[in-house]
Amino acid sequence: MTATLTGKKYLKEKAKKALQSEEGRRIYGCRKTDVEPIFGHMKNCFGIRRTHL
């Protein structure tokens, strides 16, 4: 940890650096999925109109 970065700032910079790496971009790209079809399926098939997550 550098002397200029402490606490949250250090962690934020560390996460930013990890996400900007090639592997980090690849892993983060896998997270980008659409969850809406699952809720539509629940509403259509099971008659669920409200959900509490």
N, C-alpha and C. Protein backbone atom coordinates (compact mmCIF):
# COMPACT_ATOMS: atom_id res chain seq x y z
N MET A 1 0.85 -1.17 0.00
CA MET A 1 0.00 0.00 0.00
C MET A 1 0.90 1.24 0.00
N THR A 2 0.56 2.17 -0.85
CA THR A 2 1.37 3.38 -0.92
C THR A 2 0.96 4.35 0.19
N ALA A 3 1.84 5.30 0.44
CA ALA A 3 1.58 6.27 1.50
C ALA A 3 0.45 7.22 1.12
N THR A 4 0.20 7.42 -0.18
CA THR A 4 -0.82 8.38 -0.59
C THR A 4 -2.22 7.78 -0.63
N LEU A 5 -2.32 6.48 -0.73
CA LEU A 5 -3.64 5.85 -0.80
C LEU A 5 -3.92 5.08 0.49
N THR A 6 -5.04 5.38 1.12
CA THR A 6 -5.41 4.68 2.34
C THR A 6 -6.86 4.26 2.28
N GLY A 7 -7.18 3.22 3.01
CA GLY A 7 -8.56 2.78 3.17
C GLY A 7 -9.29 2.50 1.88
N LYS A 8 -10.44 3.17 1.71
CA LYS A 8 -11.30 2.95 0.56
C LYS A 8 -10.61 3.31 -0.75
N LYS A 9 -9.82 4.37 -0.72
CA LYS A 9 -9.15 4.79 -1.95
C LYS A 9 -8.20 3.72 -2.44
N TYR A 10 -7.49 3.09 -1.52
CA TYR A 10 -6.57 2.01 -1.90
C TYR A 10 -7.33 0.85 -2.53
N LEU A 11 -8.42 0.44 -1.87
CA LEU A 11 -9.21 -0.69 -2.39
C LEU A 11 -9.84 -0.36 -3.74
N LYS A 12 -10.29 0.88 -3.89
CA LYS A 12 -10.89 1.30 -5.16
C LYS A 12 -9.86 1.26 -6.29
N GLU A 13 -8.67 1.74 -6.02
CA GLU A 13 -7.60 1.71 -7.02
C GLU A 13 -7.19 0.28 -7.34
N LYS A 14 -7.14 -0.57 -6.33
CA LYS A 14 -6.78 -1.98 -6.54
C LYS A 14 -7.82 -2.68 -7.43
N ALA A 15 -9.11 -2.42 -7.16
CA ALA A 15 -10.18 -3.02 -7.97
C ALA A 15 -10.13 -2.49 -9.40
N LYS A 16 -9.90 -1.19 -9.54
CA LYS A 16 -9.82 -0.59 -10.87
C LYS A 16 -8.69 -1.20 -11.69
N LYS A 17 -7.55 -1.38 -11.04
CA LYS A 17 -6.39 -1.97 -11.71
C LYS A 17 -6.69 -3.42 -12.13
N ALA A 18 -7.36 -4.17 -11.25
CA ALA A 18 -7.69 -5.56 -11.55
C ALA A 18 -8.68 -5.65 -12.71
N LEU A 19 -9.68 -4.75 -12.74
CA LEU A 19 -10.68 -4.78 -13.81
C LEU A 19 -10.13 -4.33 -15.14
N GLN A 20 -9.08 -3.52 -15.12
CA GLN A 20 -8.50 -3.03 -16.37
C GLN A 20 -7.52 -4.02 -16.98
N SER A 21 -7.14 -5.05 -16.22
CA SER A 21 -6.24 -6.06 -16.77
C SER A 21 -7.00 -6.91 -17.78
N GLU A 22 -6.28 -7.62 -18.61
CA GLU A 22 -6.92 -8.45 -19.64
C GLU A 22 -7.77 -9.54 -19.01
N GLU A 23 -7.24 -10.20 -17.99
CA GLU A 23 -7.99 -11.26 -17.32
C GLU A 23 -9.21 -10.69 -16.60
N GLY A 24 -9.04 -9.52 -15.99
CA GLY A 24 -10.15 -8.89 -15.29
C GLY A 24 -11.28 -8.52 -16.23
N ARG A 25 -10.94 -8.01 -17.42
CA ARG A 25 -11.98 -7.68 -18.41
C ARG A 25 -12.69 -8.94 -18.89
N ARG A 26 -11.94 -10.03 -19.04
CA ARG A 26 -12.54 -11.29 -19.49
C ARG A 26 -13.52 -11.82 -18.44
N ILE A 27 -13.10 -11.81 -17.18
CA ILE A 27 -13.96 -12.30 -16.10
C ILE A 27 -15.19 -11.42 -15.94
N TYR A 28 -15.00 -10.10 -15.96
CA TYR A 28 -16.13 -9.18 -15.80
C TYR A 28 -17.10 -9.31 -16.97
N GLY A 29 -16.59 -9.59 -18.15
CA GLY A 29 -17.44 -9.78 -19.33
C GLY A 29 -18.38 -10.96 -19.17
N CYS A 30 -17.98 -11.95 -18.40
CA CYS A 30 -18.84 -13.12 -18.17
C CYS A 30 -20.01 -12.79 -17.25
N ARG A 31 -19.91 -11.73 -16.50
CA ARG A 31 -20.97 -11.35 -15.57
C ARG A 31 -22.12 -10.63 -16.25
N LYS A 32 -21.91 -10.15 -17.44
CA LYS A 32 -22.92 -9.34 -18.12
C LYS A 32 -23.97 -10.24 -18.77
N THR A 33 -24.95 -10.64 -17.98
CA THR A 33 -26.03 -11.47 -18.49
C THR A 33 -27.35 -10.79 -18.15
N ASP A 34 -28.36 -11.12 -18.88
CA ASP A 34 -29.68 -10.54 -18.67
C ASP A 34 -30.51 -11.47 -17.80
N VAL A 35 -30.99 -11.00 -16.66
CA VAL A 35 -31.77 -11.83 -15.74
C VAL A 35 -33.27 -11.69 -15.96
N GLU A 36 -33.68 -10.75 -16.79
CA GLU A 36 -35.10 -10.52 -16.99
C GLU A 36 -35.86 -11.74 -17.52
N PRO A 37 -35.33 -12.56 -18.43
CA PRO A 37 -36.10 -13.72 -18.90
C PRO A 37 -36.50 -14.66 -17.77
N ILE A 38 -35.69 -14.76 -16.73
CA ILE A 38 -36.01 -15.63 -15.61
C ILE A 38 -37.26 -15.12 -14.90
N PHE A 39 -37.34 -13.82 -14.68
CA PHE A 39 -38.51 -13.26 -14.02
C PHE A 39 -39.75 -13.36 -14.91
N GLY A 40 -39.58 -13.19 -16.21
CA GLY A 40 -40.69 -13.35 -17.14
C GLY A 40 -41.21 -14.78 -17.13
N HIS A 41 -40.30 -15.74 -17.06
CA HIS A 41 -40.68 -17.16 -17.02
C HIS A 41 -41.46 -17.45 -15.73
N MET A 42 -40.99 -16.92 -14.62
CA MET A 42 -41.69 -17.13 -13.35
C MET A 42 -43.10 -16.54 -13.41
N LYS A 43 -43.23 -15.36 -13.97
CA LYS A 43 -44.54 -14.72 -14.06
C LYS A 43 -45.47 -15.51 -14.96
N ASN A 44 -44.95 -16.00 -16.08
CA ASN A 44 -45.78 -16.70 -17.05
C ASN A 44 -46.17 -18.09 -16.58
N CYS A 45 -45.21 -18.87 -16.14
CA CYS A 45 -45.46 -20.28 -15.80
C CYS A 45 -46.04 -20.50 -14.40
N PHE A 46 -45.58 -19.73 -13.46
CA PHE A 46 -45.98 -19.97 -12.08
C PHE A 46 -47.01 -18.98 -11.56
N GLY A 47 -47.33 -17.96 -12.34
CA GLY A 47 -48.31 -16.98 -11.90
C GLY A 47 -47.79 -16.03 -10.83
N ILE A 48 -46.46 -15.98 -10.69
CA ILE A 48 -45.87 -15.08 -9.69
C ILE A 48 -45.89 -13.67 -10.25
N ARG A 49 -46.50 -12.76 -9.52
CA ARG A 49 -46.58 -11.38 -10.00
C ARG A 49 -45.66 -10.46 -9.22
N ARG A 50 -45.35 -10.81 -7.99
CA ARG A 50 -44.46 -9.97 -7.18
C ARG A 50 -43.33 -10.81 -6.64
N THR A 51 -42.16 -10.23 -6.63
CA THR A 51 -41.01 -10.92 -6.05
C THR A 51 -40.34 -10.00 -5.06
N HIS A 52 -39.73 -10.58 -4.07
CA HIS A 52 -38.97 -9.82 -3.08
C HIS A 52 -37.57 -10.43 -3.04
N LEU A 53 -36.60 -9.67 -3.51
CA LEU A 53 -35.23 -10.18 -3.54
C LEU A 53 -34.42 -9.63 -2.42
